[in-house]
Amino acid sequence: MDCTLCKEDLRVDGRGCEDYRCAEVETDVVSNTSGSARVKLGHTDILVGVKAEMGTPKLEKPDEGYLEFFVDCSANATPEFEGRGGEELGTEIANTLYRVFSSESSVDLKSLCINPREHCWVLYVDVLLLECGGNLFDAISIAVKAALFNTRIPKVRVLEDEEGSKEIELSDDPYDCIRLNVDDVPCIITLSKIGYRHVVDATLQEEACSLASLLISVTSKGALTSMKKMGKGSLDPESIFEMMETGKRVGKSLHIALQKILDEEESLGTSRQKVGFLG
């Protein structure tokens, strides 16, 4: 692709430099999870499942639960994922998610604590890459936020007997559950430098033309929480500043659009038509 095609705020597929492709978001698609979501962004297809299990709090944070990320790059998504290629990318994506969620304000981890130093909820977030059509990190972050929004954690009571031993009782009512507040969960915005301009939501062809890109995580309020440069090319300070400003602006719009979809799905309840991840 000729880099001049991005000069006049016009890309090969007709989008402007700050435009995303049409995204499809569906929640509650996997039955045996605490929460799940599937996101299709162009030809990129991501499935995320969240499983809440009881565990022991970490020594350094005895009154908090925590999140664990696992990323599986299906060899069917692209031939590059065969063998070690998929493992390395999976590790890189998981490490990026840990960095994005390292901010204390992203998820209220204290709400996941059941009994300080003894019991807490551990959220295992499993990410499966079904198809790779460019802009993986953004699509994954959207899917993770949607799955966490959909997550329902059973309410528990800690009962103490006369001898002081504690027993945990789980609620039998499936509607008696804890919901996570995802208002401050960031989304990743990837800005790819092509020629003298930068674009969001790059396709595979655009990624092949880009020598350097900037991954930034942005909250719904437009606050930047982390940043990472990718690619072998260099970025000058002025470009980085412009990309950060674009990322914050685009990120706020992305959060608004995503939350609107999630609220609409929630309002439909059980009456909505489920496609499912095999649909």
Protein backbone atom coordinates (compact mmCIF):
# COMPACT_ATOMS: atom_id res chain seq x y z
CA MET A 1 0.00 0.00 0.00
CA ASP A 2 1.33 3.42 -0.90
CA CYS A 3 1.80 5.57 2.21
CA THR A 4 0.54 8.63 0.30
CA LEU A 5 -2.99 7.19 0.62
CA CYS A 6 -3.04 8.36 4.24
CA LYS A 7 -1.96 11.92 3.47
CA GLU A 8 -5.38 13.51 3.00
CA ASP A 9 -7.17 11.87 5.93
CA LEU A 10 -8.39 9.12 3.60
CA ARG A 11 -7.50 5.46 3.78
CA VAL A 12 -7.81 2.59 1.31
CA ASP A 13 -11.15 1.44 2.78
CA GLY A 14 -12.60 4.97 2.78
CA ARG A 15 -12.16 5.65 6.51
CA GLY A 16 -10.59 8.76 7.98
CA CYS A 17 -7.41 8.47 10.05
CA GLU A 18 -9.36 8.50 13.35
CA ASP A 19 -12.17 6.14 12.30
CA TYR A 20 -12.69 2.61 13.60
CA ARG A 21 -14.12 -0.20 11.51
CA CYS A 22 -17.63 -1.39 12.37
CA ALA A 23 -17.48 -3.44 15.57
CA GLU A 24 -19.86 -6.16 16.75
CA VAL A 25 -20.05 -6.75 20.51
CA GLU A 26 -22.01 -9.58 22.13
CA THR A 27 -21.94 -10.55 25.81
CA ASP A 28 -22.92 -13.71 27.71
CA VAL A 29 -21.92 -16.03 24.87
CA VAL A 30 -20.25 -18.84 26.86
CA SER A 31 -22.52 -20.64 29.34
CA ASN A 32 -19.98 -22.10 31.81
CA THR A 33 -18.30 -18.79 32.68
CA SER A 34 -18.99 -15.98 35.17
CA GLY A 35 -18.95 -13.52 32.25
CA SER A 36 -18.06 -13.57 28.57
CA ALA A 37 -17.97 -11.45 25.42
CA ARG A 38 -17.19 -11.76 21.75
CA VAL A 39 -15.93 -8.83 19.67
CA LYS A 40 -15.59 -8.70 15.91
CA LEU A 41 -13.66 -5.69 14.63
CA GLY A 42 -13.37 -5.92 10.86
CA HIS A 43 -11.81 -9.35 10.31
CA THR A 44 -10.46 -9.55 13.86
CA ASP A 45 -12.50 -11.91 16.04
CA ILE A 46 -11.93 -12.19 19.81
CA LEU A 47 -13.64 -14.33 22.46
CA VAL A 48 -13.13 -13.61 26.18
CA GLY A 49 -14.36 -15.68 29.12
CA VAL A 50 -14.08 -14.70 32.80
CA LYS A 51 -14.19 -17.37 35.51
CA ALA A 52 -14.47 -16.35 39.17
CA GLU A 53 -12.85 -18.81 41.55
CA MET A 54 -12.05 -18.61 45.24
CA GLY A 55 -8.38 -18.21 46.13
CA THR A 56 -5.99 -16.78 48.71
CA PRO A 57 -5.09 -13.06 48.62
CA LYS A 58 -1.53 -12.13 47.72
CA LEU A 59 0.76 -11.44 50.68
CA GLU A 60 1.46 -7.84 49.63
CA LYS A 61 -2.29 -7.10 49.18
CA PRO A 62 -4.11 -9.17 51.83
CA ASP A 63 -7.45 -7.33 51.48
CA GLU A 64 -7.79 -7.56 47.68
CA GLY A 65 -8.69 -10.08 45.01
CA TYR A 66 -6.82 -10.14 41.69
CA LEU A 67 -7.02 -10.84 37.97
CA GLU A 68 -5.09 -13.45 35.97
CA PHE A 69 -4.81 -13.21 32.18
CA PHE A 70 -4.33 -16.10 29.75
CA VAL A 71 -4.15 -15.55 25.98
CA ASP A 72 -4.53 -18.37 23.46
CA CYS A 73 -3.63 -17.56 19.85
CA SER A 74 -5.50 -20.09 17.75
CA ALA A 75 -3.41 -21.44 14.85
CA ASN A 76 -6.57 -21.14 12.74
CA ALA A 77 -6.50 -17.34 13.15
CA THR A 78 -3.35 -16.92 11.06
CA PRO A 79 -0.48 -19.24 10.00
CA GLU A 80 1.93 -17.02 11.99
CA PHE A 81 0.45 -18.41 15.22
CA GLU A 82 1.64 -21.95 14.52
CA GLY A 83 4.40 -23.22 16.85
CA ARG A 84 6.20 -20.67 19.01
CA GLY A 85 4.80 -17.63 17.17
CA GLY A 86 1.43 -17.85 18.88
CA GLU A 87 2.98 -18.44 22.32
CA GLU A 88 5.21 -15.36 22.09
CA LEU A 89 2.36 -13.10 20.98
CA GLY A 90 0.08 -14.56 23.66
CA THR A 91 2.65 -13.77 26.35
CA GLU A 92 3.13 -10.23 24.98
CA ILE A 93 -0.65 -9.56 24.99
CA ALA A 94 -1.04 -10.98 28.53
CA ASN A 95 1.84 -8.81 29.81
CA THR A 96 0.26 -5.75 28.17
CA LEU A 97 -3.08 -6.51 29.87
CA TYR A 98 -1.34 -6.87 33.26
CA ARG A 99 0.27 -3.46 32.68
CA VAL A 100 -3.04 -1.86 31.66
CA PHE A 101 -4.82 -3.28 34.74
CA SER A 102 -1.97 -2.50 37.14
CA SER A 103 -3.60 0.86 37.92
CA GLU A 104 -5.41 0.57 41.26
CA SER A 105 -8.40 2.52 39.96
CA SER A 106 -9.13 0.28 36.93
CA VAL A 107 -11.04 -2.40 38.91
CA ASP A 108 -12.09 -2.24 42.56
CA LEU A 109 -10.06 -5.25 43.74
CA LYS A 110 -11.09 -4.69 47.37
CA SER A 111 -14.66 -5.66 46.42
CA LEU A 112 -13.25 -9.10 45.47
CA CYS A 113 -11.97 -9.73 48.99
CA ILE A 114 -14.09 -12.17 51.03
CA ASN A 115 -12.00 -12.58 54.18
CA PRO A 116 -8.72 -10.58 54.49
CA ARG A 117 -5.58 -12.76 54.28
CA GLU A 118 -7.68 -15.91 53.85
CA HIS A 119 -10.17 -15.82 50.97
CA CYS A 120 -10.75 -13.70 47.89
CA TRP A 121 -12.16 -13.97 44.39
CA VAL A 122 -9.65 -14.54 41.61
CA LEU A 123 -10.89 -13.57 38.15
CA TYR A 124 -9.32 -15.75 35.45
CA VAL A 125 -9.63 -13.85 32.17
CA ASP A 126 -9.17 -16.17 29.18
CA VAL A 127 -8.67 -14.53 25.79
CA LEU A 128 -9.02 -16.57 22.60
CA LEU A 129 -7.98 -15.12 19.24
CA LEU A 130 -10.31 -16.68 16.66
CA GLU A 131 -9.31 -14.55 13.67
CA CYS A 132 -6.60 -11.97 13.13
CA GLY A 133 -7.41 -9.04 10.84
CA GLY A 134 -5.30 -6.27 12.39
CA ASN A 135 -5.50 -4.14 15.54
CA LEU A 136 -5.50 -7.06 18.00
CA PHE A 137 -4.77 -5.09 21.18
CA ASP A 138 -7.72 -2.69 20.80
CA ALA A 139 -10.18 -5.48 20.01
CA ILE A 140 -8.95 -7.56 22.97
CA SER A 141 -9.26 -4.64 25.41
CA ILE A 142 -12.85 -3.98 24.21
CA ALA A 143 -13.70 -7.68 24.66
CA VAL A 144 -12.12 -7.80 28.14
CA LYS A 145 -14.08 -4.73 29.30
CA ALA A 146 -17.33 -6.16 27.88
CA ALA A 147 -16.70 -9.55 29.56
CA LEU A 148 -15.95 -7.90 32.93
CA PHE A 149 -19.15 -5.85 32.59
CA ASN A 150 -21.03 -9.11 32.02
CA THR A 151 -19.35 -10.89 34.97
CA ARG A 152 -21.52 -11.97 37.89
CA ILE A 153 -19.84 -13.14 41.09
CA PRO A 154 -21.90 -15.10 43.68
CA LYS A 155 -22.47 -13.34 46.97
CA VAL A 156 -20.90 -15.08 49.97
CA ARG A 157 -21.33 -14.92 53.71
CA VAL A 158 -18.58 -15.68 56.22
CA LEU A 159 -20.03 -17.58 59.18
CA GLU A 160 -18.07 -17.92 62.42
CA ASP A 161 -18.85 -20.60 65.00
CA GLU A 162 -18.27 -20.49 68.77
CA GLU A 163 -14.75 -21.89 68.43
CA GLY A 164 -13.76 -19.10 66.05
CA SER A 165 -13.46 -21.19 62.89
CA LYS A 166 -14.86 -19.56 59.77
CA GLU A 167 -17.06 -21.12 57.13
CA ILE A 168 -17.98 -19.64 53.76
CA GLU A 169 -21.53 -19.94 52.48
CA LEU A 170 -22.34 -19.23 48.83
CA SER A 171 -25.73 -17.85 47.86
CA ASP A 172 -27.95 -20.31 45.94
CA ASP A 173 -29.79 -17.49 44.18
CA PRO A 174 -28.16 -16.86 40.73
CA TYR A 175 -29.48 -13.27 40.83
CA ASP A 176 -27.91 -12.61 44.23
CA CYS A 177 -24.53 -11.61 42.88
CA ILE A 178 -21.86 -8.91 42.78
CA ARG A 179 -21.36 -6.89 39.60
CA LEU A 180 -18.06 -5.19 38.80
CA ASN A 181 -17.90 -1.45 38.21
CA VAL A 182 -16.11 -1.13 34.85
CA ASP A 183 -16.40 2.67 34.53
CA ASP A 184 -12.64 3.10 35.02
CA VAL A 185 -11.51 0.03 33.05
CA PRO A 186 -9.26 1.39 30.27
CA CYS A 187 -9.40 0.51 26.58
CA ILE A 188 -6.26 0.23 24.48
CA ILE A 189 -5.92 2.58 21.52
CA THR A 190 -3.22 1.65 19.00
CA LEU A 191 -1.96 4.47 16.81
CA SER A 192 0.12 3.37 13.81
CA LYS A 193 2.48 5.82 12.12
CA ILE A 194 2.20 5.65 8.32
CA GLY A 195 4.19 8.24 6.41
CA TYR A 196 3.69 11.58 8.14
CA ARG A 197 0.31 10.68 9.65
CA HIS A 198 -0.97 8.27 12.27
CA VAL A 199 -4.08 6.08 12.06
CA VAL A 200 -6.23 4.17 14.56
CA ASP A 201 -7.60 0.64 14.05
CA ALA A 202 -5.07 -0.34 11.39
CA THR A 203 -5.82 -3.22 9.05
CA LEU A 204 -3.21 -5.92 8.37
CA GLN A 205 -2.14 -4.05 5.21
CA GLU A 206 -1.73 -0.79 7.13
CA GLU A 207 0.21 -2.54 9.89
CA ALA A 208 2.59 -3.88 7.24
CA CYS A 209 3.23 -0.27 6.12
CA SER A 210 3.78 1.04 9.63
CA LEU A 211 7.28 0.99 11.10
CA ALA A 212 6.25 2.23 14.54
CA SER A 213 3.07 2.38 16.61
CA LEU A 214 2.03 3.63 20.02
CA LEU A 215 -0.24 1.65 22.36
CA ILE A 216 -1.96 3.79 24.96
CA SER A 217 -4.60 2.79 27.49
CA VAL A 218 -7.30 5.40 28.04
CA THR A 219 -10.15 5.58 30.56
CA SER A 220 -13.68 6.76 29.79
CA LYS A 221 -12.73 10.17 31.20
CA GLY A 222 -9.85 10.47 28.71
CA ALA A 223 -7.09 9.82 31.26
CA LEU A 224 -4.00 8.07 29.91
CA THR A 225 -2.93 5.22 32.22
CA SER A 226 -0.12 3.47 30.30
CA MET A 227 1.86 3.74 27.09
CA LYS A 228 4.03 1.39 25.05
CA LYS A 229 5.90 1.83 21.77
CA MET A 230 5.93 -1.03 19.29
CA GLY A 231 7.76 -1.61 16.02
CA LYS A 232 11.35 -1.09 14.90
CA GLY A 233 10.89 2.48 13.66
CA SER A 234 11.39 5.65 15.69
CA LEU A 235 8.89 8.28 16.86
CA ASP A 236 9.88 11.90 17.42
CA PRO A 237 8.56 13.73 20.53
CA GLU A 238 6.13 15.87 18.50
CA SER A 239 4.58 12.77 16.89
CA ILE A 240 4.26 11.05 20.27
CA PHE A 241 2.46 14.08 21.72
CA GLU A 242 0.07 14.26 18.74
CA MET A 243 -0.61 10.51 18.96
CA MET A 244 -1.31 10.77 22.70
CA GLU A 245 -3.81 13.59 22.13
CA THR A 246 -5.51 11.67 19.32
CA GLY A 247 -5.60 8.52 21.45
CA LYS A 248 -7.26 10.31 24.38
CA ARG A 249 -9.86 11.89 22.08
CA VAL A 250 -10.64 8.66 20.21
CA GLY A 251 -10.58 6.64 23.45
CA LYS A 252 -13.33 8.73 25.05
CA SER A 253 -15.55 8.23 21.97
CA LEU A 254 -14.84 4.48 21.98
CA HIS A 255 -15.82 4.15 25.64
CA ILE A 256 -19.10 6.03 25.07
CA ALA A 257 -20.03 3.83 22.09
CA LEU A 258 -19.10 0.61 23.94
CA GLN A 259 -21.01 1.52 27.09
CA LYS A 260 -24.09 2.36 25.01
CA ILE A 261 -24.01 -1.12 23.41
CA LEU A 262 -23.48 -2.84 26.78
CA ASP A 263 -26.35 -0.91 28.40
CA GLU A 264 -28.66 -1.72 25.48
CA GLU A 265 -27.86 -5.45 25.75
CA GLU A 266 -28.39 -5.31 29.51
CA SER A 267 -31.80 -3.63 29.15
CA LEU A 268 -33.03 -6.42 26.83
CA GLY A 269 -32.27 -9.05 29.48
CA THR A 270 -33.25 -12.60 28.55
CA SER A 271 -35.42 -11.42 25.65
CA ARG A 272 -32.45 -10.56 23.43
CA GLN A 273 -31.54 -12.91 20.61
CA LYS A 274 -28.27 -14.70 21.30
CA VAL A 275 -26.01 -15.47 18.38
CA GLY A 276 -23.33 -17.25 20.40
CA PHE A 277 -19.70 -17.53 19.43
CA LEU A 278 -20.44 -20.33 16.96
CA GLY A 279 -23.16 -18.27 15.24
